[in-house]
């Protein structure tokens, strides 16, 4: 918690970018400080060096470290391998894990 605000990190597949944006707005208006991954368009993403991709991955885990909880964007029940690792990481670091769908 930072001040009076709980911190929540959004996790999930980049294919749900629109849902990430929706949840950012909803949670911000509910009083959460929202941390979310940065999404690059496909052209930029394919040009990123492996070291840059690894840096972005580590930055996302640091967001989880800073959070009180994570919210998994699991539309239609989809949870990819990277997101599964983020969920495990969050649970292993005593973070609350919630999902947009059961």
C-alpha atoms as a PDB file:
ATOM      1  CA  UNK A   1       0.000   0.000   0.000  1.00  0.00           C
ATOM      2  CA  UNK A   2       1.260   3.450  -0.853  1.00  0.00           C
ATOM      3  CA  UNK A   3      -0.283   6.007   1.444  1.00  0.00           C
ATOM      4  CA  UNK A   4      -3.960   5.224   1.570  1.00  0.00           C
ATOM      5  CA  UNK A   5      -4.009   3.516  -1.832  1.00  0.00           C
ATOM      6  CA  UNK A   6      -3.749  -0.207  -2.503  1.00  0.00           C
ATOM      7  CA  UNK A   7      -1.494  -1.046  -5.425  1.00  0.00           C
ATOM      8  CA  UNK A   8      -2.664  -3.581  -7.983  1.00  0.00           C
ATOM      9  CA  UNK A   9      -0.766  -4.963 -10.968  1.00  0.00           C
ATOM     10  CA  UNK A  10      -2.591  -6.235 -14.016  1.00  0.00           C
ATOM     11  CA  UNK A  11      -1.301  -9.482 -15.540  1.00  0.00           C
ATOM     12  CA  UNK A  12      -2.345 -11.404 -18.617  1.00  0.00           C
ATOM     13  CA  UNK A  13      -1.933 -11.836 -22.328  1.00  0.00           C
ATOM     14  CA  UNK A  14      -1.221  -8.834 -24.562  1.00  0.00           C
ATOM     15  CA  UNK A  15      -4.083 -10.058 -26.751  1.00  0.00           C
ATOM     16  CA  UNK A  16      -6.414  -8.547 -24.135  1.00  0.00           C
ATOM     17  CA  UNK A  17      -4.969  -5.033 -24.371  1.00  0.00           C
ATOM     18  CA  UNK A  18      -8.436  -3.443 -24.548  1.00  0.00           C
ATOM     19  CA  UNK A  19      -9.510  -5.247 -21.372  1.00  0.00           C
ATOM     20  CA  UNK A  20      -6.329  -4.039 -19.639  1.00  0.00           C
ATOM     21  CA  UNK A  21      -7.260  -0.443 -20.507  1.00  0.00           C
ATOM     22  CA  UNK A  22     -10.832  -0.988 -19.294  1.00  0.00           C
ATOM     23  CA  UNK A  23      -9.644  -2.438 -15.974  1.00  0.00           C
ATOM     24  CA  UNK A  24      -7.096   0.374 -15.524  1.00  0.00           C
ATOM     25  CA  UNK A  25      -9.934   2.897 -15.686  1.00  0.00           C
ATOM     26  CA  UNK A  26     -12.339   0.959 -13.462  1.00  0.00           C
ATOM     27  CA  UNK A  27      -9.755   0.255 -10.765  1.00  0.00           C
ATOM     28  CA  UNK A  28      -8.329   3.779 -10.811  1.00  0.00           C
ATOM     29  CA  UNK A  29     -11.792   5.215 -10.225  1.00  0.00           C
ATOM     30  CA  UNK A  30     -12.211   2.741  -7.340  1.00  0.00           C
ATOM     31  CA  UNK A  31      -9.099   4.219  -5.703  1.00  0.00           C
ATOM     32  CA  UNK A  32      -6.408   1.721  -6.665  1.00  0.00           C
ATOM     33  CA  UNK A  33      -2.967   2.640  -7.925  1.00  0.00           C
ATOM     34  CA  UNK A  34      -2.786   0.503 -11.059  1.00  0.00           C
ATOM     35  CA  UNK A  35       0.421  -0.871 -12.543  1.00  0.00           C
ATOM     36  CA  UNK A  36       0.196  -2.414 -15.968  1.00  0.00           C
ATOM     37  CA  UNK A  37       2.558  -3.803 -18.590  1.00  0.00           C
ATOM     38  CA  UNK A  38       3.548  -1.640 -21.512  1.00  0.00           C
ATOM     39  CA  UNK A  39       2.184  -2.829 -24.835  1.00  0.00           C
ATOM     40  CA  UNK A  40       4.104  -2.235 -28.035  1.00  0.00           C
ATOM     41  CA  UNK A  41       2.619  -2.613 -31.484  1.00  0.00           C
ATOM     42  CA  UNK A  42       3.638  -5.799 -33.264  1.00  0.00           C
ATOM     43  CA  UNK A  43       6.136  -4.071 -35.554  1.00  0.00           C
ATOM     44  CA  UNK A  44       8.084  -2.630 -32.648  1.00  0.00           C
ATOM     45  CA  UNK A  45       7.801  -5.799 -30.562  1.00  0.00           C
ATOM     46  CA  UNK A  46       9.288  -7.988 -33.296  1.00  0.00           C
ATOM     47  CA  UNK A  47      12.271  -5.629 -33.536  1.00  0.00           C
ATOM     48  CA  UNK A  48      13.066  -5.618 -29.805  1.00  0.00           C
ATOM     49  CA  UNK A  49      16.323  -7.267 -28.845  1.00  0.00           C
ATOM     50  CA  UNK A  50      16.261 -10.237 -26.496  1.00  0.00           C
ATOM     51  CA  UNK A  51      17.914  -8.119 -23.784  1.00  0.00           C
ATOM     52  CA  UNK A  52      15.143  -5.520 -24.042  1.00  0.00           C
ATOM     53  CA  UNK A  53      12.459  -8.192 -23.831  1.00  0.00           C
ATOM     54  CA  UNK A  54      14.144  -9.671 -20.740  1.00  0.00           C
ATOM     55  CA  UNK A  55      14.363  -6.201 -19.180  1.00  0.00           C
ATOM     56  CA  UNK A  56      10.623  -5.638 -19.755  1.00  0.00           C
ATOM     57  CA  UNK A  57       9.852  -9.029 -18.202  1.00  0.00           C
ATOM     58  CA  UNK A  58      11.915  -8.213 -15.114  1.00  0.00           C
ATOM     59  CA  UNK A  59      10.232  -4.826 -14.856  1.00  0.00           C
ATOM     60  CA  UNK A  60       6.844  -6.560 -14.767  1.00  0.00           C
ATOM     61  CA  UNK A  61       7.956  -8.826 -11.926  1.00  0.00           C
ATOM     62  CA  UNK A  62       9.120  -5.717 -10.081  1.00  0.00           C
ATOM     63  CA  UNK A  63       5.611  -4.278 -10.539  1.00  0.00           C
ATOM     64  CA  UNK A  64       4.288  -7.387  -8.812  1.00  0.00           C
ATOM     65  CA  UNK A  65       6.801  -6.845  -5.984  1.00  0.00           C
ATOM     66  CA  UNK A  66       5.458  -3.311  -5.502  1.00  0.00           C
ATOM     67  CA  UNK A  67       1.833  -4.467  -5.454  1.00  0.00           C
ATOM     68  CA  UNK A  68      -0.542  -5.536  -2.753  1.00  0.00           C
ATOM     69  CA  UNK A  69      -2.285  -7.792  -5.242  1.00  0.00           C
ATOM     70  CA  UNK A  70      -2.542  -8.743  -8.897  1.00  0.00           C
ATOM     71  CA  UNK A  71      -5.570  -8.934 -11.157  1.00  0.00           C
ATOM     72  CA  UNK A  72      -5.325 -11.518 -13.908  1.00  0.00           C
ATOM     73  CA  UNK A  73      -6.981 -10.581 -17.185  1.00  0.00           C
ATOM     74  CA  UNK A  74      -8.171 -14.068 -18.150  1.00  0.00           C
ATOM     75  CA  UNK A  75     -10.866 -13.448 -20.747  1.00  0.00           C
ATOM     76  CA  UNK A  76     -12.629 -16.618 -21.837  1.00  0.00           C
ATOM     77  CA  UNK A  77     -10.565 -18.425 -19.179  1.00  0.00           C
ATOM     78  CA  UNK A  78      -7.313 -17.979 -21.100  1.00  0.00           C
ATOM     79  CA  UNK A  79      -4.113 -17.956 -19.058  1.00  0.00           C
ATOM     80  CA  UNK A  80      -0.857 -18.330 -21.012  1.00  0.00           C
ATOM     81  CA  UNK A  81       2.439 -19.743 -19.790  1.00  0.00           C
ATOM     82  CA  UNK A  82       3.969 -16.340 -18.944  1.00  0.00           C
ATOM     83  CA  UNK A  83       0.890 -15.366 -16.962  1.00  0.00           C
ATOM     84  CA  UNK A  84       0.961 -18.686 -15.084  1.00  0.00           C
ATOM     85  CA  UNK A  85       4.530 -17.876 -14.037  1.00  0.00           C
ATOM     86  CA  UNK A  86       3.460 -14.404 -12.899  1.00  0.00           C
ATOM     87  CA  UNK A  87       0.629 -15.920 -10.828  1.00  0.00           C
ATOM     88  CA  UNK A  88       3.060 -18.383  -9.204  1.00  0.00           C
ATOM     89  CA  UNK A  89       5.506 -15.561  -8.536  1.00  0.00           C
ATOM     90  CA  UNK A  90       2.799 -13.429  -6.934  1.00  0.00           C
ATOM     91  CA  UNK A  91       1.562 -16.283  -4.744  1.00  0.00           C
ATOM     92  CA  UNK A  92       5.128 -17.170  -3.708  1.00  0.00           C
ATOM     93  CA  UNK A  93       5.543 -13.545  -2.616  1.00  0.00           C
ATOM     94  CA  UNK A  94       2.302 -13.517  -0.583  1.00  0.00           C
ATOM     95  CA  UNK A  95       0.356 -11.328  -2.997  1.00  0.00           C
ATOM     96  CA  UNK A  96      -3.405 -11.581  -3.352  1.00  0.00           C
ATOM     97  CA  UNK A  97      -4.339 -13.033  -6.754  1.00  0.00           C
ATOM     98  CA  UNK A  98      -7.702 -12.232  -8.331  1.00  0.00           C
ATOM     99  CA  UNK A  99      -9.125 -12.979 -11.773  1.00  0.00           C
ATOM    100  CA  UNK A 100     -11.625 -11.107 -13.944  1.00  0.00           C
ATOM    101  CA  UNK A 101     -13.288 -14.478 -14.692  1.00  0.00           C
ATOM    102  CA  UNK A 102     -13.580 -17.582 -12.510  1.00  0.00           C
END
